[in-house]
Amino acid sequence: MKAYIFMCNWETYEECIKKSLFGVSQAYVSDIVPGDLCFLYQYDLKILYGVWAAASVAGWHDPKAWNGRFKHQVRVQLQGEKIKQIPFSQVQYLIENSGTMIFKMGNDKAEELLRVFK
């Protein structure tokens, strides 16, 4: 199991949710496969939202999304009935290493992050 953390702000959050589409400018999601866990970090509010599963591989699925700024896109499907939210401070120990965000997690950290959301 892998987990990916995508980032958003006030400007991009709505579009992510409405389109069930997450995107990044760098190719760190190039190996994502359907079923991998996805989370959305709203850095203006310091909230981590979840839990989604990737519903596609990475690609440029909607060139108009976010005015074309994020070309590495993944379609996502919400897992469960509603979006859950967790303050970043509760998961910071999992998704930060020496002050640097970790955007892709391997099995152990992915499973621990999922447990926090349950």
PDB file of N, CA and C in Angstrom:
ATOM      1  N   MET A   1       0.850  -1.183   0.000  1.00  0.00           N
ATOM      2  CA  MET A   1       0.000   0.000   0.000  1.00  0.00           C
ATOM      3  C   MET A   1       0.890   1.238   0.000  1.00  0.00           C
ATOM      4  N   LYS A   2       0.499   2.219  -0.807  1.00  0.00           N
ATOM      5  CA  LYS A   2       1.185   3.507  -0.831  1.00  0.00           C
ATOM      6  C   LYS A   2       0.148   4.590  -0.536  1.00  0.00           C
ATOM      7  N   ALA A   3       0.637   5.710  -0.055  1.00  0.00           N
ATOM      8  CA  ALA A   3      -0.218   6.873   0.180  1.00  0.00           C
ATOM      9  C   ALA A   3       0.461   8.093  -0.419  1.00  0.00           C
ATOM     10  N   TYR A   4      -0.333   8.969  -0.976  1.00  0.00           N
ATOM     11  CA  TYR A   4       0.153  10.196  -1.586  1.00  0.00           C
ATOM     12  C   TYR A   4      -0.569  11.371  -0.948  1.00  0.00           C
ATOM     13  N   ILE A   5       0.176  12.404  -0.658  1.00  0.00           N
ATOM     14  CA  ILE A   5      -0.407  13.623  -0.102  1.00  0.00           C
ATOM     15  C   ILE A   5      -0.302  14.711  -1.158  1.00  0.00           C
ATOM     16  N   PHE A   6      -1.462  15.222  -1.535  1.00  0.00           N
ATOM     17  CA  PHE A   6      -1.545  16.326  -2.486  1.00  0.00           C
ATOM     18  C   PHE A   6      -1.793  17.600  -1.688  1.00  0.00           C
ATOM     19  N   MET A   7      -1.355  18.715  -2.209  1.00  0.00           N
ATOM     20  CA  MET A   7      -1.534  19.983  -1.503  1.00  0.00           C
ATOM     21  C   MET A   7      -2.545  20.855  -2.233  1.00  0.00           C
ATOM     22  N   CYS A   8      -3.223  21.682  -1.452  1.00  0.00           N
ATOM     23  CA  CYS A   8      -4.155  22.648  -2.018  1.00  0.00           C
ATOM     24  C   CYS A   8      -4.184  23.867  -1.118  1.00  0.00           C
ATOM     25  N   ASN A   9      -4.838  24.904  -1.607  1.00  0.00           N
ATOM     26  CA  ASN A   9      -5.088  26.100  -0.810  1.00  0.00           C
ATOM     27  C   ASN A   9      -6.537  26.507  -1.039  1.00  0.00           C
ATOM     28  N   TRP A  10      -6.907  27.687  -0.542  1.00  0.00           N
ATOM     29  CA  TRP A  10      -8.295  28.155  -0.739  1.00  0.00           C
ATOM     30  C   TRP A  10      -8.656  28.214  -2.207  1.00  0.00           C
ATOM     31  N   GLU A  11      -7.692  28.572  -3.024  1.00  0.00           N
ATOM     32  CA  GLU A  11      -7.945  28.756  -4.449  1.00  0.00           C
ATOM     33  C   GLU A  11      -8.192  27.432  -5.179  1.00  0.00           C
ATOM     34  N   THR A  12      -7.551  26.356  -4.764  1.00  0.00           N
ATOM     35  CA  THR A  12      -7.617  25.098  -5.509  1.00  0.00           C
ATOM     36  C   THR A  12      -8.473  24.010  -4.854  1.00  0.00           C
ATOM     37  N   TYR A  13      -8.801  24.162  -3.584  1.00  0.00           N
ATOM     38  CA  TYR A  13      -9.533  23.122  -2.851  1.00  0.00           C
ATOM     39  C   TYR A  13     -10.864  22.762  -3.521  1.00  0.00           C
ATOM     40  N   GLU A  14     -11.685  23.757  -3.803  1.00  0.00           N
ATOM     41  CA  GLU A  14     -13.022  23.508  -4.392  1.00  0.00           C
ATOM     42  C   GLU A  14     -12.937  22.683  -5.664  1.00  0.00           C
ATOM     43  N   GLU A  15     -11.995  23.041  -6.524  1.00  0.00           N
ATOM     44  CA  GLU A  15     -11.886  22.340  -7.797  1.00  0.00           C
ATOM     45  C   GLU A  15     -11.480  20.880  -7.582  1.00  0.00           C
ATOM     46  N   CYS A  16     -10.574  20.644  -6.642  1.00  0.00           N
ATOM     47  CA  CYS A  16     -10.177  19.266  -6.315  1.00  0.00           C
ATOM     48  C   CYS A  16     -11.403  18.444  -5.921  1.00  0.00           C
ATOM     49  N   ILE A  17     -12.222  19.008  -5.032  1.00  0.00           N
ATOM     50  CA  ILE A  17     -13.375  18.281  -4.501  1.00  0.00           C
ATOM     51  C   ILE A  17     -14.455  18.100  -5.565  1.00  0.00           C
ATOM     52  N   LYS A  18     -14.793  19.166  -6.273  1.00  0.00           N
ATOM     53  CA  LYS A  18     -15.862  19.094  -7.272  1.00  0.00           C
ATOM     54  C   LYS A  18     -15.546  18.131  -8.410  1.00  0.00           C
ATOM     55  N   LYS A  19     -14.281  18.115  -8.836  1.00  0.00           N
ATOM     56  CA  LYS A  19     -13.900  17.283  -9.978  1.00  0.00           C
ATOM     57  C   LYS A  19     -13.375  15.909  -9.579  1.00  0.00           C
ATOM     58  N   SER A  20     -13.238  15.666  -8.266  1.00  0.00           N
ATOM     59  CA  SER A  20     -12.601  14.423  -7.805  1.00  0.00           C
ATOM     60  C   SER A  20     -11.294  14.210  -8.550  1.00  0.00           C
ATOM     61  N   LEU A  21     -10.490  15.251  -8.541  1.00  0.00           N
ATOM     62  CA  LEU A  21      -9.240  15.279  -9.292  1.00  0.00           C
ATOM     63  C   LEU A  21      -8.193  16.004  -8.456  1.00  0.00           C
ATOM     64  N   PHE A  22      -7.070  15.348  -8.244  1.00  0.00           N
ATOM     65  CA  PHE A  22      -5.956  15.977  -7.536  1.00  0.00           C
ATOM     66  C   PHE A  22      -4.820  16.141  -8.531  1.00  0.00           C
ATOM     67  N   GLY A  23      -4.035  17.204  -8.374  1.00  0.00           N
ATOM     68  CA  GLY A  23      -2.949  17.442  -9.310  1.00  0.00           C
ATOM     69  C   GLY A  23      -1.734  18.043  -8.643  1.00  0.00           C
ATOM     70  N   VAL A  24      -0.603  17.818  -9.279  1.00  0.00           N
ATOM     71  CA  VAL A  24       0.670  18.373  -8.827  1.00  0.00           C
ATOM     72  C   VAL A  24       1.467  18.822 -10.040  1.00  0.00           C
ATOM     73  N   SER A  25       2.438  19.684  -9.800  1.00  0.00           N
ATOM     74  CA  SER A  25       3.267  20.162 -10.905  1.00  0.00           C
ATOM     75  C   SER A  25       4.476  19.261 -11.147  1.00  0.00           C
ATOM     76  N   GLN A  26       4.860  18.469 -10.150  1.00  0.00           N
ATOM     77  CA  GLN A  26       6.014  17.580 -10.290  1.00  0.00           C
ATOM     78  C   GLN A  26       5.536  16.141 -10.457  1.00  0.00           C
ATOM     79  N   ALA A  27       6.389  15.310 -11.002  1.00  0.00           N
ATOM     80  CA  ALA A  27       5.991  13.947 -11.374  1.00  0.00           C
ATOM     81  C   ALA A  27       6.091  12.930 -10.239  1.00  0.00           C
ATOM     82  N   TYR A  28       6.033  13.351  -8.982  1.00  0.00           N
ATOM     83  CA  TYR A  28       6.183  12.372  -7.903  1.00  0.00           C
ATOM     84  C   TYR A  28       5.022  11.388  -7.826  1.00  0.00           C
ATOM     85  N   VAL A  29       3.958  11.609  -8.557  1.00  0.00           N
ATOM     86  CA  VAL A  29       2.826  10.665  -8.563  1.00  0.00           C
ATOM     87  C   VAL A  29       2.846   9.757  -9.792  1.00  0.00           C
ATOM     88  N   SER A  30       3.936   9.753 -10.524  1.00  0.00           N
ATOM     89  CA  SER A  30       3.976   9.000 -11.783  1.00  0.00           C
ATOM     90  C   SER A  30       3.766   7.498 -11.603  1.00  0.00           C
ATOM     91  N   ASP A  31       4.023   6.978 -10.394  1.00  0.00           N
ATOM     92  CA  ASP A  31       3.858   5.542 -10.184  1.00  0.00           C
ATOM     93  C   ASP A  31       2.561   5.188  -9.444  1.00  0.00           C
ATOM     94  N   ILE A  32       1.669   6.157  -9.275  1.00  0.00           N
ATOM     95  CA  ILE A  32       0.414   5.892  -8.575  1.00  0.00           C
ATOM     96  C   ILE A  32      -0.441   4.928  -9.401  1.00  0.00           C
ATOM     97  N   VAL A  33      -1.131   4.044  -8.705  1.00  0.00           N
ATOM     98  CA  VAL A  33      -2.014   3.092  -9.385  1.00  0.00           C
ATOM     99  C   VAL A  33      -3.378   3.133  -8.700  1.00  0.00           C
ATOM    100  N   PRO A  34      -4.431   2.763  -9.405  1.00  0.00           N
ATOM    101  CA  PRO A  34      -5.749   2.735  -8.777  1.00  0.00           C
ATOM    102  C   PRO A  34      -5.723   1.916  -7.488  1.00  0.00           C
ATOM    103  N   GLY A  35      -6.323   2.500  -6.456  1.00  0.00           N
ATOM    104  CA  GLY A  35      -6.359   1.859  -5.152  1.00  0.00           C
ATOM    105  C   GLY A  35      -5.389   2.459  -4.155  1.00  0.00           C
ATOM    106  N   ASP A  36      -4.340   3.139  -4.634  1.00  0.00           N
ATOM    107  CA  ASP A  36      -3.426   3.801  -3.704  1.00  0.00           C
ATOM    108  C   ASP A  36      -4.188   4.875  -2.938  1.00  0.00           C
ATOM    109  N   LEU A  37      -3.816   5.074  -1.688  1.00  0.00           N
ATOM    110  CA  LEU A  37      -4.479   6.073  -0.846  1.00  0.00           C
ATOM    111  C   LEU A  37      -4.065   7.486  -1.236  1.00  0.00           C
ATOM    112  N   CYS A  38      -5.008   8.411  -1.137  1.00  0.00           N
ATOM    113  CA  CYS A  38      -4.738   9.813  -1.439  1.00  0.00           C
ATOM    114  C   CYS A  38      -5.327  10.688  -0.336  1.00  0.00           C
ATOM    115  N   PHE A  39      -4.572  11.716   0.010  1.00  0.00           N
ATOM    116  CA  PHE A  39      -4.977  12.685   1.023  1.00  0.00           C
ATOM    117  C   PHE A  39      -4.749  14.070   0.450  1.00  0.00           C
ATOM    118  N   LEU A  40      -5.469  15.039   0.974  1.00  0.00           N
ATOM    119  CA  LEU A  40      -5.381  16.413   0.497  1.00  0.00           C
ATOM    120  C   LEU A  40      -5.035  17.316   1.670  1.00  0.00           C
ATOM    121  N   TYR A  41      -3.891  17.970   1.589  1.00  0.00           N
ATOM    122  CA  TYR A  41      -3.431  18.858   2.660  1.00  0.00           C
ATOM    123  C   TYR A  41      -3.740  20.299   2.279  1.00  0.00           C
ATOM    124  N   GLN A  42      -4.630  20.924   3.034  1.00  0.00           N
ATOM    125  CA  GLN A  42      -4.994  22.336   2.820  1.00  0.00           C
ATOM    126  C   GLN A  42      -4.053  23.149   3.691  1.00  0.00           C
ATOM    127  N   TYR A  43      -3.011  23.695   3.066  1.00  0.00           N
ATOM    128  CA  TYR A  43      -1.948  24.331   3.841  1.00  0.00           C
ATOM    129  C   TYR A  43      -2.322  25.695   4.398  1.00  0.00           C
ATOM    130  N   ASP A  44      -3.340  26.351   3.878  1.00  0.00           N
ATOM    131  CA  ASP A  44      -3.791  27.618   4.483  1.00  0.00           C
ATOM    132  C   ASP A  44      -4.388  27.371   5.861  1.00  0.00           C
ATOM    133  N   LEU A  45      -5.126  26.265   5.994  1.00  0.00           N
ATOM    134  CA  LEU A  45      -5.782  25.923   7.258  1.00  0.00           C
ATOM    135  C   LEU A  45      -4.998  24.913   8.091  1.00  0.00           C
ATOM    136  N   LYS A  46      -3.960  24.322   7.480  1.00  0.00           N
ATOM    137  CA  LYS A  46      -3.182  23.263   8.136  1.00  0.00           C
ATOM    138  C   LYS A  46      -4.080  22.084   8.544  1.00  0.00           C
ATOM    139  N   ILE A  47      -4.874  21.631   7.550  1.00  0.00           N
ATOM    140  CA  ILE A  47      -5.803  20.507   7.733  1.00  0.00           C
ATOM    141  C   ILE A  47      -5.475  19.443   6.683  1.00  0.00           C
ATOM    142  N   LEU A  48      -5.473  18.185   7.112  1.00  0.00           N
ATOM    143  CA  LEU A  48      -5.316  17.079   6.187  1.00  0.00           C
ATOM    144  C   LEU A  48      -6.684  16.422   6.016  1.00  0.00           C
ATOM    145  N   TYR A  49      -7.114  16.289   4.763  1.00  0.00           N
ATOM    146  CA  TYR A  49      -8.411  15.697   4.435  1.00  0.00           C
ATOM    147  C   TYR A  49      -8.205  14.307   3.842  1.00  0.00           C
ATOM    148  N   GLY A  50      -9.165  13.426   4.076  1.00  0.00           N
ATOM    149  CA  GLY A  50      -9.071  12.092   3.519  1.00  0.00           C
ATOM    150  C   GLY A  50     -10.384  11.376   3.694  1.00  0.00           C
ATOM    151  N   VAL A  51     -10.498  10.271   3.273  1.00  0.00           N
ATOM    152  CA  VAL A  51      -9.521   9.445   2.589  1.00  0.00           C
ATOM    153  C   VAL A  51     -10.073   9.144   1.193  1.00  0.00           C
ATOM    154  N   TRP A  52      -9.218   9.272   0.204  1.00  0.00           N
ATOM    155  CA  TRP A  52      -9.580   8.921  -1.171  1.00  0.00           C
ATOM    156  C   TRP A  52      -8.696   7.775  -1.627  1.00  0.00           C
ATOM    157  N   ALA A  53      -9.140   7.097  -2.660  1.00  0.00           N
ATOM    158  CA  ALA A  53      -8.310   6.114  -3.355  1.00  0.00           C
ATOM    159  C   ALA A  53      -8.130   6.607  -4.778  1.00  0.00           C
ATOM    160  N   ALA A  54      -6.952   6.393  -5.303  1.00  0.00           N
ATOM    161  CA  ALA A  54      -6.713   6.735  -6.705  1.00  0.00           C
ATOM    162  C   ALA A  54      -7.656   5.909  -7.567  1.00  0.00           C
ATOM    163  N   ALA A  55      -8.284   6.575  -8.535  1.00  0.00           N
ATOM    164  CA  ALA A  55      -9.191   5.890  -9.462  1.00  0.00           C
ATOM    165  C   ALA A  55      -8.602   5.856 -10.874  1.00  0.00           C
ATOM    166  N   SER A  56      -7.373   6.346 -11.007  1.00  0.00           N
ATOM    167  CA  SER A  56      -6.697   6.359 -12.301  1.00  0.00           C
ATOM    168  C   SER A  56      -5.192   6.351 -12.071  1.00  0.00           C
ATOM    169  N   VAL A  57      -4.467   6.184 -13.133  1.00  0.00           N
ATOM    170  CA  VAL A  57      -3.030   6.421 -13.089  1.00  0.00           C
ATOM    171  C   VAL A  57      -2.826   7.917 -13.305  1.00  0.00           C
ATOM    172  N   ALA A  58      -1.609   8.385 -13.131  1.00  0.00           N
ATOM    173  CA  ALA A  58      -1.319   9.804 -13.340  1.00  0.00           C
ATOM    174  C   ALA A  58      -1.359  10.135 -14.824  1.00  0.00           C
ATOM    175  N   GLY A  59      -1.885  11.295 -15.132  1.00  0.00           N
ATOM    176  CA  GLY A  59      -1.951  11.772 -16.504  1.00  0.00           C
ATOM    177  C   GLY A  59      -2.509  13.180 -16.516  1.00  0.00           C
ATOM    178  N   TRP A  60      -2.606  13.755 -17.683  1.00  0.00           N
ATOM    179  CA  TRP A  60      -3.178  15.088 -17.798  1.00  0.00           C
ATOM    180  C   TRP A  60      -4.643  14.894 -18.183  1.00  0.00           C
ATOM    181  N   HIS A  61      -5.473  14.554 -17.207  1.00  0.00           N
ATOM    182  CA  HIS A  61      -6.862  14.172 -17.434  1.00  0.00           C
ATOM    183  C   HIS A  61      -7.761  15.346 -17.797  1.00  0.00           C
ATOM    184  N   ASP A  62      -7.484  16.513 -17.255  1.00  0.00           N
ATOM    185  CA  ASP A  62      -8.307  17.701 -17.509  1.00  0.00           C
ATOM    186  C   ASP A  62      -7.386  18.900 -17.690  1.00  0.00           C
ATOM    187  N   PRO A  63      -6.974  19.189 -18.934  1.00  0.00           N
ATOM    188  CA  PRO A  63      -6.034  20.286 -19.180  1.00  0.00           C
ATOM    189  C   PRO A  63      -6.531  21.655 -18.700  1.00  0.00           C
ATOM    190  N   LYS A  64      -7.842  21.796 -18.511  1.00  0.00           N
ATOM    191  CA  LYS A  64      -8.383  23.092 -18.062  1.00  0.00           C
ATOM    192  C   LYS A  64      -8.371  23.236 -16.540  1.00  0.00           C
ATOM    193  N   ALA A  65      -8.207  22.126 -15.822  1.00  0.00           N
ATOM    194  CA  ALA A  65      -8.224  22.187 -14.351  1.00  0.00           C
ATOM    195  C   ALA A  65      -7.083  23.067 -13.860  1.00  0.00           C
ATOM    196  N   TRP A  66      -7.385  23.886 -12.897  1.00  0.00           N
ATOM    197  CA  TRP A  66      -6.419  24.795 -12.272  1.00  0.00           C
ATOM    198  C   TRP A  66      -5.657  25.624 -13.315  1.00  0.00           C
ATOM    199  N   ASN A  67      -6.359  25.972 -14.384  1.00  0.00           N
ATOM    200  CA  ASN A  67      -5.775  26.763 -15.472  1.00  0.00           C
ATOM    201  C   ASN A  67      -4.518  26.124 -16.054  1.00  0.00           C
ATOM    202  N   GLY A  68      -4.472  24.793 -16.058  1.00  0.00           N
ATOM    203  CA  GLY A  68      -3.361  24.066 -16.653  1.00  0.00           C
ATOM    204  C   GLY A  68      -2.089  24.030 -15.825  1.00  0.00           C
ATOM    205  N   ARG A  69      -2.153  24.483 -14.576  1.00  0.00           N
ATOM    206  CA  ARG A  69      -0.934  24.569 -13.753  1.00  0.00           C
ATOM    207  C   ARG A  69      -0.427  23.219 -13.263  1.00  0.00           C
ATOM    208  N   PHE A  70      -1.304  22.249 -13.081  1.00  0.00           N
ATOM    209  CA  PHE A  70      -0.899  20.975 -12.490  1.00  0.00           C
ATOM    210  C   PHE A  70      -1.172  19.847 -13.477  1.00  0.00           C
ATOM    211  N   LYS A  71      -0.143  19.453 -14.195  1.00  0.00           N
ATOM    212  CA  LYS A  71      -0.306  18.510 -15.304  1.00  0.00           C
ATOM    213  C   LYS A  71      -0.246  17.047 -14.886  1.00  0.00           C
ATOM    214  N   HIS A  72       0.226  16.768 -13.699  1.00  0.00           N
ATOM    215  CA  HIS A  72       0.281  15.398 -13.202  1.00  0.00           C
ATOM    216  C   HIS A  72      -0.951  15.205 -12.322  1.00  0.00           C
ATOM    217  N   GLN A  73      -1.995  14.666 -12.913  1.00  0.00           N
ATOM    218  CA  GLN A  73      -3.304  14.585 -12.255  1.00  0.00           C
ATOM    219  C   GLN A  73      -3.724  13.136 -12.013  1.00  0.00           C
ATOM    220  N   VAL A  74      -4.497  12.974 -10.948  1.00  0.00           N
ATOM    221  CA  VAL A  74      -5.014  11.660 -10.592  1.00  0.00           C
ATOM    222  C   VAL A  74      -6.493  11.807 -10.263  1.00  0.00           C
ATOM    223  N   ARG A  75      -7.314  10.995 -10.869  1.00  0.00           N
ATOM    224  CA  ARG A  75      -8.725  10.944 -10.501  1.00  0.00           C
ATOM    225  C   ARG A  75      -8.822  10.180  -9.188  1.00  0.00           C
ATOM    226  N   VAL A  76      -9.677  10.655  -8.296  1.00  0.00           N
ATOM    227  CA  VAL A  76      -9.796  10.036  -6.975  1.00  0.00           C
ATOM    228  C   VAL A  76     -11.248   9.718  -6.667  1.00  0.00           C
ATOM    229  N   GLN A  77     -11.426   8.753  -5.766  1.00  0.00           N
ATOM    230  CA  GLN A  77     -12.764   8.374  -5.313  1.00  0.00           C
ATOM    231  C   GLN A  77     -12.756   8.361  -3.792  1.00  0.00           C
ATOM    232  N   LEU A  78     -13.699   9.088  -3.217  1.00  0.00           N
ATOM    233  CA  LEU A  78     -13.810   9.175  -1.766  1.00  0.00           C
ATOM    234  C   LEU A  78     -14.101   7.801  -1.182  1.00  0.00           C
ATOM    235  N   GLN A  79     -13.408   7.461  -0.131  1.00  0.00           N
ATOM    236  CA  GLN A  79     -13.614   6.198   0.576  1.00  0.00           C
ATOM    237  C   GLN A  79     -14.464   6.498   1.805  1.00  0.00           C
ATOM    238  N   GLY A  80     -15.646   6.011   1.831  1.00  0.00           N
ATOM    239  CA  GLY A  80     -16.559   6.309   2.923  1.00  0.00           C
ATOM    240  C   GLY A  80     -17.600   7.317   2.480  1.00  0.00           C
ATOM    241  N   GLU A  81     -18.411   7.737   3.440  1.00  0.00           N
ATOM    242  CA  GLU A  81     -19.545   8.602   3.119  1.00  0.00           C
ATOM    243  C   GLU A  81     -19.209  10.086   3.099  1.00  0.00           C
ATOM    244  N   LYS A  82     -18.171  10.474   3.824  1.00  0.00           N
ATOM    245  CA  LYS A  82     -17.858  11.907   3.852  1.00  0.00           C
ATOM    246  C   LYS A  82     -16.361  12.116   4.002  1.00  0.00           C
ATOM    247  N   ILE A  83     -15.941  13.314   3.676  1.00  0.00           N
ATOM    248  CA  ILE A  83     -14.540  13.700   3.816  1.00  0.00           C
ATOM    249  C   ILE A  83     -14.252  13.913   5.295  1.00  0.00           C
ATOM    250  N   LYS A  84     -13.197  13.273   5.761  1.00  0.00           N
ATOM    251  CA  LYS A  84     -12.766  13.464   7.148  1.00  0.00           C
ATOM    252  C   LYS A  84     -11.621  14.474   7.157  1.00  0.00           C
ATOM    253  N   GLN A  85     -11.487  15.164   8.284  1.00  0.00           N
ATOM    254  CA  GLN A  85     -10.398  16.131   8.392  1.00  0.00           C
ATOM    255  C   GLN A  85      -9.666  15.973   9.714  1.00  0.00           C
ATOM    256  N   ILE A  86      -8.364  16.163   9.640  1.00  0.00           N
ATOM    257  CA  ILE A  86      -7.517  16.023  10.815  1.00  0.00           C
ATOM    258  C   ILE A  86      -6.555  17.208  10.834  1.00  0.00           C
ATOM    259  N   PRO A  87      -6.396  17.863  11.980  1.00  0.00           N
ATOM    260  CA  PRO A  87      -5.397  18.935  12.055  1.00  0.00           C
ATOM    261  C   PRO A  87      -4.002  18.388  11.737  1.00  0.00           C
ATOM    262  N   PHE A  88      -3.256  19.149  10.989  1.00  0.00           N
ATOM    263  CA  PHE A  88      -1.910  18.740  10.599  1.00  0.00           C
ATOM    264  C   PHE A  88      -1.072  18.364  11.818  1.00  0.00           C
ATOM    265  N   SER A  89      -1.264  19.059  12.922  1.00  0.00           N
ATOM    266  CA  SER A  89      -0.467  18.801  14.126  1.00  0.00           C
ATOM    267  C   SER A  89      -0.612  17.358  14.615  1.00  0.00           C
ATOM    268  N   GLN A  90      -1.749  16.711  14.334  1.00  0.00           N
ATOM    269  CA  GLN A  90      -1.961  15.328  14.771  1.00  0.00           C
ATOM    270  C   GLN A  90      -1.221  14.310  13.917  1.00  0.00           C
ATOM    271  N   VAL A  91      -0.854  14.684  12.711  1.00  0.00           N
ATOM    272  CA  VAL A  91      -0.178  13.748  11.809  1.00  0.00           C
ATOM    273  C   VAL A  91       1.187  14.245  11.356  1.00  0.00           C
ATOM    274  N   GLN A  92       1.599  15.359  11.872  1.00  0.00           N
ATOM    275  CA  GLN A  92       2.863  15.972  11.458  1.00  0.00           C
ATOM    276  C   GLN A  92       4.037  15.013  11.614  1.00  0.00           C
ATOM    277  N   TYR A  93       4.042  14.231  12.685  1.00  0.00           N
ATOM    278  CA  TYR A  93       5.129  13.281  12.924  1.00  0.00           C
ATOM    279  C   TYR A  93       5.231  12.236  11.814  1.00  0.00           C
ATOM    280  N   LEU A  94       4.132  12.000  11.096  1.00  0.00           N
ATOM    281  CA  LEU A  94       4.121  11.016  10.013  1.00  0.00           C
ATOM    282  C   LEU A  94       4.506  11.599   8.664  1.00  0.00           C
ATOM    283  N   ILE A  95       4.124  12.851   8.431  1.00  0.00           N
ATOM    284  CA  ILE A  95       4.269  13.389   7.072  1.00  0.00           C
ATOM    285  C   ILE A  95       5.291  14.514   6.969  1.00  0.00           C
ATOM    286  N   GLU A  96       6.110  14.632   7.983  1.00  0.00           N
ATOM    287  CA  GLU A  96       7.161  15.633   7.916  1.00  0.00           C
ATOM    288  C   GLU A  96       8.453  15.001   8.397  1.00  0.00           C
ATOM    289  N   ASN A  97       9.525  15.279   7.713  1.00  0.00           N
ATOM    290  CA  ASN A  97      10.838  14.771   8.090  1.00  0.00           C
ATOM    291  C   ASN A  97      11.806  15.950   8.108  1.00  0.00           C
ATOM    292  N   SER A  98      12.258  16.322   9.269  1.00  0.00           N
ATOM    293  CA  SER A  98      13.181  17.464   9.433  1.00  0.00           C
ATOM    294  C   SER A  98      12.602  18.734   8.814  1.00  0.00           C
ATOM    295  N   GLY A  99      11.307  18.946   9.004  1.00  0.00           N
ATOM    296  CA  GLY A  99      10.670  20.151   8.495  1.00  0.00           C
ATOM    297  C   GLY A  99      10.278  20.096   7.036  1.00  0.00           C
ATOM    298  N   THR A 100      10.518  18.982   6.363  1.00  0.00           N
ATOM    299  CA  THR A 100      10.194  18.840   4.942  1.00  0.00           C
ATOM    300  C   THR A 100       9.032  17.866   4.795  1.00  0.00           C
ATOM    301  N   MET A 101       8.040  18.256   3.990  1.00  0.00           N
ATOM    302  CA  MET A 101       6.876  17.398   3.762  1.00  0.00           C
ATOM    303  C   MET A 101       7.276  16.154   2.976  1.00  0.00           C
ATOM    304  N   ILE A 102       6.674  15.028   3.355  1.00  0.00           N
ATOM    305  CA  ILE A 102       6.809  13.775   2.609  1.00  0.00           C
ATOM    306  C   ILE A 102       5.510  13.620   1.815  1.00  0.00           C
ATOM    307  N   PHE A 103       5.607  13.558   0.513  1.00  0.00           N
ATOM    308  CA  PHE A 103       4.416  13.503  -0.319  1.00  0.00           C
ATOM    309  C   PHE A 103       4.043  12.097  -0.754  1.00  0.00           C
ATOM    310  N   LYS A 104       4.961  11.149  -0.568  1.00  0.00           N
ATOM    311  CA  LYS A 104       4.702   9.768  -0.947  1.00  0.00           C
ATOM    312  C   LYS A 104       5.169   8.894   0.210  1.00  0.00           C
ATOM    313  N   MET A 105       4.286   8.008   0.647  1.00  0.00           N
ATOM    314  CA  MET A 105       4.591   7.158   1.786  1.00  0.00           C
ATOM    315  C   MET A 105       4.506   5.696   1.407  1.00  0.00           C
ATOM    316  N   GLY A 106       5.405   4.929   1.986  1.00  0.00           N
ATOM    317  CA  GLY A 106       5.386   3.488   1.803  1.00  0.00           C
ATOM    318  C   GLY A 106       4.391   2.833   2.748  1.00  0.00           C
ATOM    319  N   ASN A 107       4.393   1.546   2.755  1.00  0.00           N
ATOM    320  CA  ASN A 107       3.400   0.736   3.441  1.00  0.00           C
ATOM    321  C   ASN A 107       3.189   1.084   4.911  1.00  0.00           C
ATOM    322  N   ASP A 108       4.247   1.101   5.712  1.00  0.00           N
ATOM    323  CA  ASP A 108       4.090   1.311   7.156  1.00  0.00           C
ATOM    324  C   ASP A 108       3.470   2.664   7.486  1.00  0.00           C
ATOM    325  N   LYS A 109       4.017   3.724   6.902  1.00  0.00           N
ATOM    326  CA  LYS A 109       3.480   5.059   7.179  1.00  0.00           C
ATOM    327  C   LYS A 109       2.085   5.229   6.592  1.00  0.00           C
ATOM    328  N   ALA A 110       1.849   4.646   5.418  1.00  0.00           N
ATOM    329  CA  ALA A 110       0.521   4.726   4.795  1.00  0.00           C
ATOM    330  C   ALA A 110      -0.523   4.070   5.687  1.00  0.00           C
ATOM    331  N   GLU A 111      -0.202   2.902   6.227  1.00  0.00           N
ATOM    332  CA  GLU A 111      -1.149   2.208   7.098  1.00  0.00           C
ATOM    333  C   GLU A 111      -1.379   2.986   8.391  1.00  0.00           C
ATOM    334  N   GLU A 112      -0.321   3.574   8.936  1.00  0.00           N
ATOM    335  CA  GLU A 112      -0.483   4.349  10.172  1.00  0.00           C
ATOM    336  C   GLU A 112      -1.329   5.599   9.925  1.00  0.00           C
ATOM    337  N   LEU A 113      -1.124   6.264   8.809  1.00  0.00           N
ATOM    338  CA  LEU A 113      -1.928   7.435   8.476  1.00  0.00           C
ATOM    339  C   LEU A 113      -3.401   7.043   8.306  1.00  0.00           C
ATOM    340  N   LEU A 114      -3.638   5.929   7.672  1.00  0.00           N
ATOM    341  CA  LEU A 114      -5.015   5.445   7.493  1.00  0.00           C
ATOM    342  C   LEU A 114      -5.661   5.157   8.845  1.00  0.00           C
ATOM    343  N   ARG A 115      -4.912   4.579   9.777  1.00  0.00           N
ATOM    344  CA  ARG A 115      -5.434   4.309  11.114  1.00  0.00           C
ATOM    345  C   ARG A 115      -5.855   5.612  11.821  1.00  0.00           C
ATOM    346  N   VAL A 116      -5.084   6.658  11.639  1.00  0.00           N
ATOM    347  CA  VAL A 116      -5.433   7.939  12.267  1.00  0.00           C
ATOM    348  C   VAL A 116      -6.783   8.429  11.748  1.00  0.00           C
ATOM    349  N   PHE A 117      -7.062   8.203  10.485  1.00  0.00           N
ATOM    350  CA  PHE A 117      -8.317   8.648   9.887  1.00  0.00           C
ATOM    351  C   PHE A 117      -9.508   7.774  10.252  1.00  0.00           C
ATOM    352  N   LYS A 118      -9.266   6.581  10.760  1.00  0.00           N
ATOM    353  CA  LYS A 118     -10.374   5.714  11.149  1.00  0.00           C
ATOM    354  C   LYS A 118     -10.712   6.041  12.563  1.00  0.00           C
TER     355      LYS A 118
END
